[in-house]
Amino acid sequence: MSGSYAYNGTCIYFSSKNQKLSWIQAERFCKSLPLNTSFLIIQNDHQYEFIRRKLIKLKEKENPIDQLVFFIGYYKIKDKWKWLNNKTISFSFSFSKHLLDANNSFGACGSIALTRNFKLIMKAYPCTSLKTRFICQYNLNPCLNNNACGSNGQCVSLYNSYYCDCKAKSIFYTGRFCEKCKYF
């Protein structure tokens, strides 16, 4: 897709300046794309830096003066910021140290913004009323960050699918996810 960039076994899609949706609409849009697509969930500082560099290039190309704002996959629930995969945001990531409105949020859904001095900050916005750009991520390798096979099996990638090879790690387990002990 136009606006997509390869990153570590995934493709990251940045919506165009004419494609603005509310946070909820953007989440639905990302889920409607093929290949295990979801809202962007930043996994580590390396991915954070990749996103930041892409946004800097985009800003220089489009409008160096305006602040770029993109919805991504985090939200606030019970005074905690969480990713859509239900993991609490780890403040070891560079960008999460700059989370704005964490205590007095006027919204419950998250975005990232590239400031004029090229810092990436997190901001809270209303989930339904504000419309802005968004970032989706789709996995080209369904075994990437996939723990479905647990410690007893090995994930084997198929096109847009996978299966668990139980014999690869242990001869004692079976089942779709290598979760059943053969002998008990």
N, C-alpha and C. Protein backbone atom coordinates (compact mmCIF):
# COMPACT_ATOMS: atom_id res chain seq x y z
N MET A 1 0.84 -1.18 0.00
CA MET A 1 0.00 0.00 0.00
C MET A 1 0.88 1.24 0.00
N SER A 2 0.44 2.25 -0.69
CA SER A 2 1.14 3.53 -0.67
C SER A 2 1.12 4.08 0.75
N GLY A 3 2.24 4.59 1.21
CA GLY A 3 2.32 5.08 2.58
C GLY A 3 2.79 4.05 3.56
N SER A 4 3.21 2.86 3.06
CA SER A 4 3.68 1.78 3.93
C SER A 4 5.20 1.64 3.83
N TYR A 5 5.79 1.24 4.96
CA TYR A 5 7.23 1.06 5.03
C TYR A 5 7.52 -0.24 5.76
N ALA A 6 8.49 -0.99 5.25
CA ALA A 6 8.87 -2.26 5.87
C ALA A 6 9.69 -1.99 7.13
N TYR A 7 9.36 -2.74 8.18
CA TYR A 7 10.13 -2.66 9.42
C TYR A 7 10.12 -4.02 10.12
N ASN A 8 11.25 -4.69 10.18
CA ASN A 8 11.45 -5.87 11.01
C ASN A 8 10.34 -6.92 10.90
N GLY A 9 10.02 -7.36 9.68
CA GLY A 9 9.00 -8.38 9.49
C GLY A 9 7.58 -7.85 9.48
N THR A 10 7.42 -6.54 9.50
CA THR A 10 6.10 -5.92 9.46
C THR A 10 6.11 -4.80 8.42
N CYS A 11 4.93 -4.31 8.11
CA CYS A 11 4.79 -3.08 7.31
C CYS A 11 4.04 -2.08 8.17
N ILE A 12 4.51 -0.86 8.16
CA ILE A 12 3.87 0.20 8.94
C ILE A 12 3.26 1.19 7.96
N TYR A 13 1.96 1.41 8.12
CA TYR A 13 1.18 2.26 7.22
C TYR A 13 0.86 3.60 7.90
N PHE A 14 1.22 4.69 7.24
CA PHE A 14 0.91 6.04 7.70
C PHE A 14 -0.21 6.58 6.82
N SER A 15 -1.34 6.95 7.41
CA SER A 15 -2.43 7.49 6.61
C SER A 15 -2.01 8.82 5.99
N SER A 16 -2.62 9.17 4.87
CA SER A 16 -2.29 10.41 4.17
C SER A 16 -2.93 11.60 4.87
N LYS A 17 -2.52 12.79 4.48
CA LYS A 17 -3.07 13.99 5.13
C LYS A 17 -4.54 14.18 4.81
N ASN A 18 -5.05 13.50 3.78
CA ASN A 18 -6.47 13.56 3.45
C ASN A 18 -7.27 12.42 4.09
N GLN A 19 -6.61 11.52 4.76
CA GLN A 19 -7.27 10.37 5.38
C GLN A 19 -7.23 10.55 6.90
N LYS A 20 -8.23 11.22 7.42
CA LYS A 20 -8.32 11.48 8.86
C LYS A 20 -9.57 10.82 9.41
N LEU A 21 -9.39 10.12 10.53
CA LEU A 21 -10.50 9.42 11.18
C LEU A 21 -10.44 9.64 12.68
N SER A 22 -11.54 9.37 13.37
CA SER A 22 -11.50 9.36 14.83
C SER A 22 -10.68 8.15 15.26
N TRP A 23 -10.30 8.10 16.54
CA TRP A 23 -9.49 6.99 17.03
C TRP A 23 -10.23 5.66 16.82
N ILE A 24 -11.52 5.64 17.14
CA ILE A 24 -12.31 4.41 17.01
C ILE A 24 -12.44 4.01 15.54
N GLN A 25 -12.69 4.97 14.65
CA GLN A 25 -12.79 4.67 13.22
C GLN A 25 -11.45 4.16 12.69
N ALA A 26 -10.35 4.77 13.14
CA ALA A 26 -9.02 4.36 12.68
C ALA A 26 -8.70 2.94 13.14
N GLU A 27 -9.07 2.61 14.38
CA GLU A 27 -8.84 1.24 14.86
C GLU A 27 -9.60 0.24 13.99
N ARG A 28 -10.84 0.55 13.67
CA ARG A 28 -11.64 -0.33 12.81
C ARG A 28 -11.03 -0.45 11.41
N PHE A 29 -10.56 0.68 10.88
CA PHE A 29 -9.93 0.67 9.56
C PHE A 29 -8.71 -0.25 9.56
N CYS A 30 -7.85 -0.10 10.56
CA CYS A 30 -6.65 -0.94 10.64
C CYS A 30 -7.01 -2.42 10.70
N LYS A 31 -8.02 -2.77 11.50
CA LYS A 31 -8.45 -4.17 11.63
C LYS A 31 -9.03 -4.71 10.32
N SER A 32 -9.57 -3.83 9.47
CA SER A 32 -10.19 -4.27 8.23
C SER A 32 -9.16 -4.61 7.15
N LEU A 33 -7.92 -4.21 7.33
CA LEU A 33 -6.87 -4.52 6.36
C LEU A 33 -6.42 -5.97 6.51
N PRO A 34 -5.87 -6.56 5.45
CA PRO A 34 -5.43 -7.97 5.54
C PRO A 34 -4.12 -8.10 6.32
N LEU A 35 -3.67 -9.33 6.48
CA LEU A 35 -2.36 -9.67 7.05
C LEU A 35 -2.20 -9.30 8.52
N ASN A 36 -3.13 -9.69 9.36
CA ASN A 36 -3.00 -9.48 10.81
C ASN A 36 -2.74 -8.02 11.16
N THR A 37 -3.50 -7.12 10.60
CA THR A 37 -3.28 -5.69 10.77
C THR A 37 -3.92 -5.19 12.05
N SER A 38 -3.24 -4.24 12.70
CA SER A 38 -3.77 -3.60 13.90
C SER A 38 -3.24 -2.18 13.97
N PHE A 39 -3.76 -1.43 14.91
CA PHE A 39 -3.21 -0.12 15.22
C PHE A 39 -1.75 -0.31 15.64
N LEU A 40 -0.92 0.66 15.38
CA LEU A 40 0.48 0.58 15.75
C LEU A 40 0.63 0.48 17.26
N ILE A 41 1.41 -0.50 17.70
CA ILE A 41 1.83 -0.64 19.10
C ILE A 41 3.35 -0.62 19.07
N ILE A 42 3.94 0.40 19.65
CA ILE A 42 5.39 0.54 19.61
C ILE A 42 6.01 -0.43 20.62
N GLN A 43 6.89 -1.30 20.13
CA GLN A 43 7.45 -2.38 20.92
C GLN A 43 8.72 -2.02 21.68
N ASN A 44 9.53 -1.10 21.12
CA ASN A 44 10.83 -0.81 21.72
C ASN A 44 11.39 0.52 21.21
N ASP A 45 12.53 0.92 21.75
CA ASP A 45 13.13 2.20 21.35
C ASP A 45 13.59 2.19 19.90
N HIS A 46 13.99 1.05 19.37
CA HIS A 46 14.42 0.98 17.98
C HIS A 46 13.24 1.27 17.04
N GLN A 47 12.10 0.69 17.33
CA GLN A 47 10.92 0.95 16.52
C GLN A 47 10.47 2.40 16.69
N TYR A 48 10.55 2.92 17.91
CA TYR A 48 10.23 4.32 18.17
C TYR A 48 11.08 5.22 17.27
N GLU A 49 12.37 4.96 17.18
CA GLU A 49 13.27 5.78 16.38
C GLU A 49 12.96 5.65 14.89
N PHE A 50 12.58 4.46 14.45
CA PHE A 50 12.17 4.25 13.06
C PHE A 50 10.96 5.12 12.73
N ILE A 51 9.96 5.10 13.61
CA ILE A 51 8.74 5.91 13.41
C ILE A 51 9.10 7.40 13.40
N ARG A 52 9.91 7.83 14.34
CA ARG A 52 10.30 9.23 14.43
C ARG A 52 11.00 9.70 13.15
N ARG A 53 11.93 8.90 12.63
CA ARG A 53 12.63 9.28 11.40
C ARG A 53 11.68 9.37 10.21
N LYS A 54 10.73 8.44 10.12
CA LYS A 54 9.75 8.49 9.02
C LYS A 54 8.87 9.74 9.14
N LEU A 55 8.49 10.10 10.37
CA LEU A 55 7.66 11.29 10.56
C LEU A 55 8.44 12.57 10.25
N ILE A 56 9.72 12.59 10.55
CA ILE A 56 10.56 13.75 10.21
C ILE A 56 10.58 13.94 8.70
N LYS A 57 10.79 12.85 7.95
CA LYS A 57 10.79 12.95 6.49
C LYS A 57 9.43 13.40 5.97
N LEU A 58 8.36 12.88 6.56
CA LEU A 58 7.02 13.25 6.15
C LEU A 58 6.76 14.72 6.43
N LYS A 59 7.19 15.18 7.57
CA LYS A 59 7.00 16.59 7.95
C LYS A 59 7.75 17.51 6.99
N GLU A 60 8.98 17.17 6.65
CA GLU A 60 9.77 17.98 5.73
C GLU A 60 9.12 18.01 4.35
N LYS A 61 8.52 16.91 3.94
CA LYS A 61 7.88 16.81 2.63
C LYS A 61 6.56 17.59 2.59
N GLU A 62 5.79 17.51 3.66
CA GLU A 62 4.45 18.10 3.66
C GLU A 62 4.41 19.54 4.14
N ASN A 63 4.81 19.77 5.41
CA ASN A 63 4.77 21.11 5.96
C ASN A 63 5.66 21.18 7.19
N PRO A 64 6.84 21.77 7.07
CA PRO A 64 7.79 21.80 8.18
C PRO A 64 7.30 22.58 9.40
N ILE A 65 6.27 23.39 9.26
CA ILE A 65 5.81 24.25 10.36
C ILE A 65 4.79 23.54 11.24
N ASP A 66 3.86 22.82 10.63
CA ASP A 66 2.78 22.18 11.39
C ASP A 66 3.28 20.99 12.20
N GLN A 67 2.61 20.76 13.34
CA GLN A 67 2.88 19.58 14.15
C GLN A 67 2.12 18.40 13.54
N LEU A 68 2.79 17.28 13.35
CA LEU A 68 2.14 16.08 12.83
C LEU A 68 1.54 15.30 14.00
N VAL A 69 0.28 14.89 13.88
CA VAL A 69 -0.39 14.11 14.92
C VAL A 69 -1.00 12.87 14.27
N PHE A 70 -0.71 11.69 14.86
CA PHE A 70 -1.22 10.41 14.37
C PHE A 70 -1.75 9.61 15.55
N PHE A 71 -2.97 9.07 15.39
CA PHE A 71 -3.48 8.13 16.39
C PHE A 71 -2.70 6.83 16.27
N ILE A 72 -2.41 6.21 17.44
CA ILE A 72 -1.83 4.87 17.49
C ILE A 72 -2.58 4.07 18.55
N GLY A 73 -2.20 2.82 18.77
CA GLY A 73 -2.97 1.88 19.57
C GLY A 73 -2.75 1.90 21.07
N TYR A 74 -3.06 3.01 21.73
CA TYR A 74 -3.09 2.99 23.20
C TYR A 74 -4.24 3.85 23.68
N TYR A 75 -4.65 3.62 24.93
CA TYR A 75 -5.81 4.29 25.49
C TYR A 75 -5.65 4.34 27.01
N LYS A 76 -6.52 5.08 27.65
CA LYS A 76 -6.49 5.21 29.10
C LYS A 76 -7.70 4.48 29.68
N ILE A 77 -7.43 3.62 30.66
CA ILE A 77 -8.51 2.91 31.35
C ILE A 77 -8.14 2.83 32.83
N LYS A 78 -9.05 3.26 33.67
CA LYS A 78 -8.84 3.25 35.12
C LYS A 78 -7.50 3.88 35.51
N ASP A 79 -7.26 5.07 34.98
CA ASP A 79 -6.05 5.86 35.27
C ASP A 79 -4.75 5.18 34.87
N LYS A 80 -4.81 4.20 33.98
CA LYS A 80 -3.60 3.56 33.46
C LYS A 80 -3.62 3.63 31.94
N TRP A 81 -2.46 3.88 31.39
CA TRP A 81 -2.31 3.89 29.93
C TRP A 81 -1.93 2.49 29.48
N LYS A 82 -2.70 1.95 28.51
CA LYS A 82 -2.47 0.58 28.04
C LYS A 82 -2.43 0.55 26.52
N TRP A 83 -1.66 -0.40 26.00
CA TRP A 83 -1.68 -0.68 24.57
C TRP A 83 -2.93 -1.51 24.28
N LEU A 84 -3.31 -1.59 23.02
CA LEU A 84 -4.47 -2.39 22.64
C LEU A 84 -4.29 -3.87 22.93
N ASN A 85 -3.05 -4.34 23.06
CA ASN A 85 -2.82 -5.74 23.43
C ASN A 85 -2.92 -5.93 24.95
N ASN A 86 -3.42 -4.92 25.65
CA ASN A 86 -3.70 -4.91 27.09
C ASN A 86 -2.45 -4.80 27.96
N LYS A 87 -1.29 -4.55 27.38
CA LYS A 87 -0.07 -4.35 28.18
C LYS A 87 0.00 -2.90 28.61
N THR A 88 0.37 -2.69 29.87
CA THR A 88 0.56 -1.34 30.38
C THR A 88 1.76 -0.72 29.69
N ILE A 89 1.66 0.55 29.37
CA ILE A 89 2.75 1.23 28.69
C ILE A 89 3.98 1.24 29.59
N SER A 90 5.08 0.81 29.03
CA SER A 90 6.34 0.75 29.75
C SER A 90 7.06 2.08 29.59
N PHE A 91 7.40 2.70 30.70
CA PHE A 91 8.07 3.98 30.62
C PHE A 91 9.56 3.84 30.37
N SER A 92 10.00 2.65 29.95
CA SER A 92 11.38 2.50 29.52
C SER A 92 11.53 3.00 28.08
N PHE A 93 10.41 3.09 27.34
CA PHE A 93 10.48 3.60 25.98
C PHE A 93 10.72 5.10 26.01
N SER A 94 11.53 5.57 25.09
CA SER A 94 11.88 6.99 25.03
C SER A 94 10.66 7.89 24.94
N PHE A 95 9.72 7.56 24.03
CA PHE A 95 8.59 8.46 23.79
C PHE A 95 7.63 8.51 24.96
N SER A 96 7.47 7.43 25.71
CA SER A 96 6.47 7.41 26.77
C SER A 96 6.88 8.28 27.97
N LYS A 97 8.13 8.69 28.00
CA LYS A 97 8.55 9.62 29.05
C LYS A 97 7.93 10.99 28.84
N HIS A 98 7.42 11.22 27.64
CA HIS A 98 6.85 12.51 27.29
C HIS A 98 5.32 12.45 27.22
N LEU A 99 4.70 11.51 27.90
CA LEU A 99 3.25 11.36 27.86
C LEU A 99 2.58 12.60 28.45
N LEU A 100 1.79 13.27 27.66
CA LEU A 100 1.11 14.48 28.10
C LEU A 100 -0.27 14.16 28.65
N ASP A 101 -0.71 14.91 29.60
CA ASP A 101 -2.05 14.80 30.18
C ASP A 101 -2.32 13.43 30.77
N ALA A 102 -1.30 12.79 31.32
CA ALA A 102 -1.49 11.44 31.86
C ALA A 102 -2.45 11.42 33.05
N ASN A 103 -2.45 12.47 33.86
CA ASN A 103 -3.33 12.48 35.02
C ASN A 103 -4.64 13.23 34.77
N ASN A 104 -4.58 14.29 34.02
CA ASN A 104 -5.77 15.11 33.79
C ASN A 104 -6.16 15.06 32.32
N SER A 105 -6.22 13.89 31.78
CA SER A 105 -6.49 13.73 30.36
C SER A 105 -7.87 14.24 30.00
N PHE A 106 -7.93 14.96 28.89
CA PHE A 106 -9.23 15.40 28.39
C PHE A 106 -9.76 14.39 27.39
N GLY A 107 -9.07 13.33 27.18
CA GLY A 107 -9.49 12.27 26.27
C GLY A 107 -9.02 10.95 26.81
N ALA A 108 -9.39 9.91 26.13
CA ALA A 108 -8.99 8.60 26.62
C ALA A 108 -8.24 7.78 25.58
N CYS A 109 -7.97 8.36 24.42
CA CYS A 109 -7.29 7.61 23.36
C CYS A 109 -6.02 8.31 22.95
N GLY A 110 -5.06 7.51 22.50
CA GLY A 110 -3.71 8.02 22.33
C GLY A 110 -3.28 8.33 20.92
N SER A 111 -2.33 9.26 20.87
CA SER A 111 -1.70 9.64 19.62
C SER A 111 -0.23 9.89 19.88
N ILE A 112 0.51 10.02 18.79
CA ILE A 112 1.87 10.53 18.87
C ILE A 112 1.92 11.78 18.02
N ALA A 113 2.77 12.70 18.43
CA ALA A 113 2.92 13.96 17.70
C ALA A 113 4.40 14.27 17.55
N LEU A 114 4.76 14.74 16.38
CA LEU A 114 6.12 15.17 16.12
C LEU A 114 6.15 16.68 16.29
N THR A 115 6.92 17.14 17.25
CA THR A 115 6.98 18.57 17.55
C THR A 115 7.90 19.29 16.57
N ARG A 116 7.94 20.60 16.68
CA ARG A 116 8.78 21.41 15.80
C ARG A 116 10.26 21.10 15.96
N ASN A 117 10.66 20.69 17.15
CA ASN A 117 12.07 20.34 17.37
C ASN A 117 12.31 18.83 17.21
N PHE A 118 11.41 18.15 16.50
CA PHE A 118 11.54 16.74 16.10
C PHE A 118 11.52 15.75 17.26
N LYS A 119 10.87 16.11 18.35
CA LYS A 119 10.64 15.15 19.43
C LYS A 119 9.30 14.48 19.19
N LEU A 120 9.23 13.22 19.58
CA LEU A 120 7.99 12.47 19.46
C LEU A 120 7.36 12.42 20.84
N ILE A 121 6.14 12.93 20.96
CA ILE A 121 5.46 12.94 22.26
C ILE A 121 4.13 12.21 22.13
N MET A 122 3.64 11.73 23.26
CA MET A 122 2.34 11.07 23.32
C MET A 122 1.32 12.09 23.83
N LYS A 123 0.14 12.07 23.23
CA LYS A 123 -0.93 12.98 23.64
C LYS A 123 -2.23 12.21 23.74
N ALA A 124 -3.11 12.69 24.60
CA ALA A 124 -4.44 12.10 24.74
C ALA A 124 -5.46 12.98 24.03
N TYR A 125 -6.38 12.34 23.34
CA TYR A 125 -7.46 13.04 22.64
C TYR A 125 -8.75 12.27 22.82
N PRO A 126 -9.89 12.93 22.57
CA PRO A 126 -11.17 12.21 22.62
C PRO A 126 -11.20 11.09 21.58
N CYS A 127 -11.79 9.98 21.94
CA CYS A 127 -11.81 8.82 21.05
C CYS A 127 -12.73 8.98 19.86
N THR A 128 -13.76 9.79 19.99
CA THR A 128 -14.75 9.86 18.92
C THR A 128 -14.84 11.19 18.20
N SER A 129 -14.53 12.30 18.85
CA SER A 129 -14.80 13.59 18.21
C SER A 129 -13.67 14.11 17.32
N LEU A 130 -12.44 14.00 17.74
CA LEU A 130 -11.32 14.50 16.94
C LEU A 130 -11.01 13.53 15.81
N LYS A 131 -10.75 14.09 14.63
CA LYS A 131 -10.33 13.26 13.50
C LYS A 131 -8.93 13.70 13.10
N THR A 132 -8.03 12.72 13.02
CA THR A 132 -6.67 13.00 12.62
C THR A 132 -6.11 11.79 11.87
N ARG A 133 -4.87 11.87 11.50
CA ARG A 133 -4.21 10.77 10.80
C ARG A 133 -3.94 9.62 11.78
N PHE A 134 -3.53 8.48 11.26
CA PHE A 134 -3.31 7.31 12.11
C PHE A 134 -2.25 6.41 11.49
N ILE A 135 -1.76 5.47 12.30
CA ILE A 135 -0.73 4.53 11.85
C ILE A 135 -1.19 3.11 12.15
N CYS A 136 -1.13 2.26 11.12
CA CYS A 136 -1.45 0.84 11.26
C CYS A 136 -0.16 0.04 11.08
N GLN A 137 -0.17 -1.17 11.62
CA GLN A 137 0.98 -2.06 11.44
C GLN A 137 0.44 -3.43 11.07
N TYR A 138 0.97 -3.99 9.99
CA TYR A 138 0.56 -5.34 9.64
C TYR A 138 1.76 -6.25 9.54
N ASN A 139 1.57 -7.44 10.09
CA ASN A 139 2.64 -8.43 10.18
C ASN A 139 2.73 -9.23 8.88
N LEU A 140 3.91 -9.25 8.32
CA LEU A 140 4.16 -10.11 7.16
C LEU A 140 4.47 -11.52 7.62
N ASN A 141 4.95 -11.64 8.85
CA ASN A 141 5.30 -12.92 9.44
C ASN A 141 4.41 -13.15 10.66
N PRO A 142 3.40 -14.02 10.57
CA PRO A 142 2.49 -14.22 11.71
C PRO A 142 3.17 -14.81 12.94
N CYS A 143 4.39 -15.32 12.82
CA CYS A 143 5.10 -15.85 13.99
C CYS A 143 5.86 -14.75 14.74
N LEU A 144 5.94 -13.57 14.16
CA LEU A 144 6.63 -12.48 14.82
C LEU A 144 5.87 -12.09 16.08
N ASN A 145 6.53 -12.11 17.21
CA ASN A 145 5.92 -11.78 18.51
C ASN A 145 4.70 -12.63 18.81
N ASN A 146 4.67 -13.87 18.32
CA ASN A 146 3.55 -14.76 18.53
C ASN A 146 3.95 -15.80 19.58
N ASN A 147 3.27 -15.79 20.71
CA ASN A 147 3.56 -16.72 21.79
C ASN A 147 2.54 -17.85 21.89
N ALA A 148 1.75 -18.05 20.83
CA ALA A 148 0.67 -19.03 20.87
C ALA A 148 1.17 -20.44 21.13
N CYS A 149 2.36 -20.77 20.66
CA CYS A 149 2.89 -22.13 20.82
C CYS A 149 3.57 -22.33 22.17
N GLY A 150 3.65 -21.28 22.96
CA GLY A 150 4.22 -21.38 24.29
C GLY A 150 5.66 -21.85 24.26
N SER A 151 6.10 -22.39 25.37
CA SER A 151 7.49 -22.86 25.47
C SER A 151 7.63 -24.30 24.99
N ASN A 152 6.50 -24.95 24.63
CA ASN A 152 6.56 -26.36 24.24
C ASN A 152 6.59 -26.57 22.73
N GLY A 153 6.34 -25.51 21.95
CA GLY A 153 6.29 -25.66 20.50
C GLY A 153 7.00 -24.53 19.80
N GLN A 154 7.14 -24.69 18.49
CA GLN A 154 7.78 -23.67 17.68
C GLN A 154 6.79 -23.19 16.63
N CYS A 155 6.63 -21.89 16.50
CA CYS A 155 5.73 -21.30 15.52
C CYS A 155 6.34 -21.45 14.13
N VAL A 156 5.54 -21.96 13.19
CA VAL A 156 5.98 -22.12 11.80
C VAL A 156 5.06 -21.25 10.94
N SER A 157 5.66 -20.31 10.22
CA SER A 157 4.92 -19.34 9.44
C SER A 157 4.43 -19.92 8.13
N LEU A 158 3.16 -19.67 7.84
CA LEU A 158 2.55 -19.93 6.55
C LEU A 158 2.06 -18.59 6.04
N TYR A 159 1.69 -18.46 4.80
CA TYR A 159 1.18 -17.18 4.31
C TYR A 159 -0.06 -16.79 5.10
N ASN A 160 0.02 -15.70 5.83
CA ASN A 160 -1.09 -15.14 6.59
C ASN A 160 -1.64 -16.12 7.63
N SER A 161 -0.84 -17.11 8.02
CA SER A 161 -1.28 -18.10 8.99
C SER A 161 -0.04 -18.74 9.61
N TYR A 162 -0.25 -19.66 10.55
CA TYR A 162 0.86 -20.36 11.18
C TYR A 162 0.35 -21.67 11.78
N TYR A 163 1.27 -22.53 12.14
CA TYR A 163 0.92 -23.70 12.93
C TYR A 163 2.04 -23.93 13.95
N CYS A 164 1.74 -24.71 14.97
CA CYS A 164 2.71 -24.99 16.02
C CYS A 164 3.32 -26.38 15.79
N ASP A 165 4.63 -26.43 15.72
CA ASP A 165 5.36 -27.69 15.60
C ASP A 165 5.77 -28.11 17.01
N CYS A 166 5.06 -29.09 17.55
CA CYS A 166 5.30 -29.53 18.93
C CYS A 166 6.58 -30.36 19.06
N LYS A 167 6.95 -31.07 18.02
CA LYS A 167 8.13 -31.94 18.08
C LYS A 167 9.43 -31.14 18.04
N ALA A 168 9.37 -29.90 17.59
CA ALA A 168 10.59 -29.10 17.43
C ALA A 168 11.27 -28.84 18.78
N LYS A 169 10.48 -28.72 19.84
CA LYS A 169 11.07 -28.41 21.15
C LYS A 169 10.90 -29.52 22.18
N SER A 170 9.90 -30.36 22.01
CA SER A 170 9.65 -31.40 23.01
C SER A 170 8.84 -32.53 22.40
N ILE A 171 9.16 -33.73 22.76
CA ILE A 171 8.39 -34.89 22.28
C ILE A 171 7.23 -35.22 23.21
N PHE A 172 7.08 -34.47 24.29
CA PHE A 172 6.07 -34.77 25.31
C PHE A 172 4.76 -34.01 25.14
N TYR A 173 4.67 -33.09 24.17
CA TYR A 173 3.48 -32.25 24.05
C TYR A 173 2.82 -32.40 22.69
N THR A 174 1.52 -32.14 22.68
CA THR A 174 0.71 -32.22 21.48
C THR A 174 -0.38 -31.15 21.56
N GLY A 175 -1.27 -31.13 20.60
CA GLY A 175 -2.35 -30.16 20.57
C GLY A 175 -2.06 -29.04 19.60
N ARG A 176 -3.09 -28.30 19.26
CA ARG A 176 -2.95 -27.21 18.28
C ARG A 176 -1.88 -26.22 18.70
N PHE A 177 -1.77 -25.94 19.99
CA PHE A 177 -0.81 -24.96 20.51
C PHE A 177 0.26 -25.62 21.39
N CYS A 178 0.42 -26.94 21.25
CA CYS A 178 1.40 -27.71 22.03
C CYS A 178 1.15 -27.54 23.53
N GLU A 179 -0.12 -27.51 23.90
CA GLU A 179 -0.51 -27.25 25.27
C GLU A 179 -0.87 -28.51 26.06
N LYS A 180 -0.99 -29.66 25.37
CA LYS A 180 -1.43 -30.88 26.03
C LYS A 180 -0.25 -31.84 26.20
N CYS A 181 -0.13 -32.36 27.39
CA CYS A 181 0.92 -33.35 27.65
C CYS A 181 0.43 -34.69 27.10
N LYS A 182 1.25 -35.39 26.33
CA LYS A 182 0.88 -36.65 25.69
C LYS A 182 0.62 -37.77 26.68
N TYR A 183 1.28 -37.75 27.81
CA TYR A 183 1.28 -38.90 28.70
C TYR A 183 0.44 -38.77 29.95
N PHE A 184 -0.33 -37.69 30.07
CA PHE A 184 -1.17 -37.54 31.26
C PHE A 184 -2.59 -37.21 30.88
